[in-house]
Amino acid sequence: MQVDPAIVLAIMGIGVIGIIETIKRLTGLAGIGAIILAFAVSFGATAYYLYQAGTFTIIALILYGLIVFGEASGLYHIFSKKSY
């Protein structure tokens, strides 16, 4: 399965980072709690988007969920790097 950057950007466009940051600020979460929050919100947003798009599969959820989680948590930025 090949990753479509447009899908990742569409999921991120739902406001995943904003939701995570707002909840972190309101609850004071940090460390492992913030990572668990990012994981839950990322996979929830990914499942919602894939379901609405009619492309939901467990494999797609895991693949896109991990990428969105990496992007939203700041652990890994796969699509923000410029390739020349």
Protein backbone atom coordinates (compact mmCIF):
# COMPACT_ATOMS: atom_id res chain seq x y z
CA MET A 1 0.00 0.00 0.00
CA GLN A 2 1.39 3.36 -1.00
CA VAL A 3 0.87 6.41 1.20
CA ASP A 4 -0.97 9.29 -0.41
CA PRO A 5 0.31 12.60 1.01
CA ALA A 6 -3.01 14.25 0.15
CA ILE A 7 -4.81 11.95 2.59
CA VAL A 8 -2.34 12.73 5.39
CA LEU A 9 -2.70 16.46 4.76
CA ALA A 10 -6.50 16.14 4.67
CA ILE A 11 -6.51 14.34 8.01
CA MET A 12 -4.17 16.94 9.50
CA GLY A 13 -6.48 19.61 8.07
CA ILE A 14 -9.22 18.41 10.42
CA GLY A 15 -7.26 20.27 13.07
CA VAL A 16 -5.52 17.38 14.80
CA ILE A 17 -2.65 19.50 16.11
CA GLY A 18 -5.00 22.25 17.31
CA ILE A 19 -7.21 19.75 19.14
CA ILE A 20 -4.20 18.12 20.80
CA GLU A 21 -2.67 21.44 21.85
CA THR A 22 -5.98 22.76 23.20
CA ILE A 23 -6.59 19.65 25.31
CA LYS A 24 -2.98 19.69 26.54
CA ARG A 25 -3.28 23.33 27.57
CA LEU A 26 -6.65 22.85 29.31
CA THR A 27 -5.58 19.72 31.19
CA GLY A 28 -1.91 20.48 31.75
CA LEU A 29 -0.84 17.21 30.15
CA ALA A 30 2.86 16.68 29.48
CA GLY A 31 5.23 13.81 28.87
CA ILE A 32 3.71 10.38 28.35
CA GLY A 33 0.20 11.75 28.90
CA ALA A 34 0.62 14.14 25.99
CA ILE A 35 1.91 11.33 23.79
CA ILE A 36 -1.06 9.12 24.65
CA LEU A 37 -3.39 12.04 23.91
CA ALA A 38 -1.72 12.64 20.54
CA PHE A 39 -2.00 8.94 19.74
CA ALA A 40 -5.72 8.80 20.60
CA VAL A 41 -6.65 11.99 18.74
CA SER A 42 -4.53 11.05 15.70
CA PHE A 43 -6.05 7.60 15.35
CA GLY A 44 -9.54 8.93 16.03
CA ALA A 45 -9.23 11.60 13.35
CA THR A 46 -7.71 9.10 10.94
CA ALA A 47 -10.52 6.59 11.50
CA TYR A 48 -13.12 9.32 11.03
CA TYR A 49 -11.58 10.58 7.80
CA LEU A 50 -11.06 7.13 6.29
CA TYR A 51 -14.61 6.10 7.19
CA GLN A 52 -16.11 9.27 5.70
CA ALA A 53 -14.02 8.81 2.55
CA GLY A 54 -15.15 5.19 2.21
CA THR A 55 -11.58 3.88 2.31
CA PHE A 56 -11.49 2.51 5.86
CA THR A 57 -9.47 -0.67 6.37
CA ILE A 58 -7.47 -1.76 9.39
CA ILE A 59 -4.25 -1.57 7.36
CA ALA A 60 -5.05 1.96 6.17
CA LEU A 61 -5.94 2.98 9.73
CA ILE A 62 -2.64 1.68 11.11
CA LEU A 63 -0.52 3.11 8.29
CA TYR A 64 -2.11 6.55 8.14
CA GLY A 65 -2.69 6.66 11.89
CA LEU A 66 1.01 6.17 12.61
CA ILE A 67 2.00 8.83 10.10
CA VAL A 68 -0.54 11.33 11.43
CA PHE A 69 0.55 10.52 14.99
CA GLY A 70 4.18 11.16 14.07
CA GLU A 71 3.32 14.45 12.44
CA ALA A 72 0.92 15.61 15.18
CA SER A 73 3.21 14.70 18.05
CA GLY A 74 6.28 16.18 16.41
CA LEU A 75 8.15 12.89 16.67
CA TYR A 76 8.51 12.53 12.92
CA HIS A 77 7.83 14.89 10.02
CA ILE A 78 7.63 12.86 6.85
CA PHE A 79 5.85 15.38 4.63
CA SER A 80 7.34 18.64 5.85
CA LYS A 81 10.78 17.87 4.47
CA LYS A 82 11.51 19.42 1.12
CA SER A 83 12.84 17.16 -1.59
CA TYR A 84 14.82 18.70 -4.38
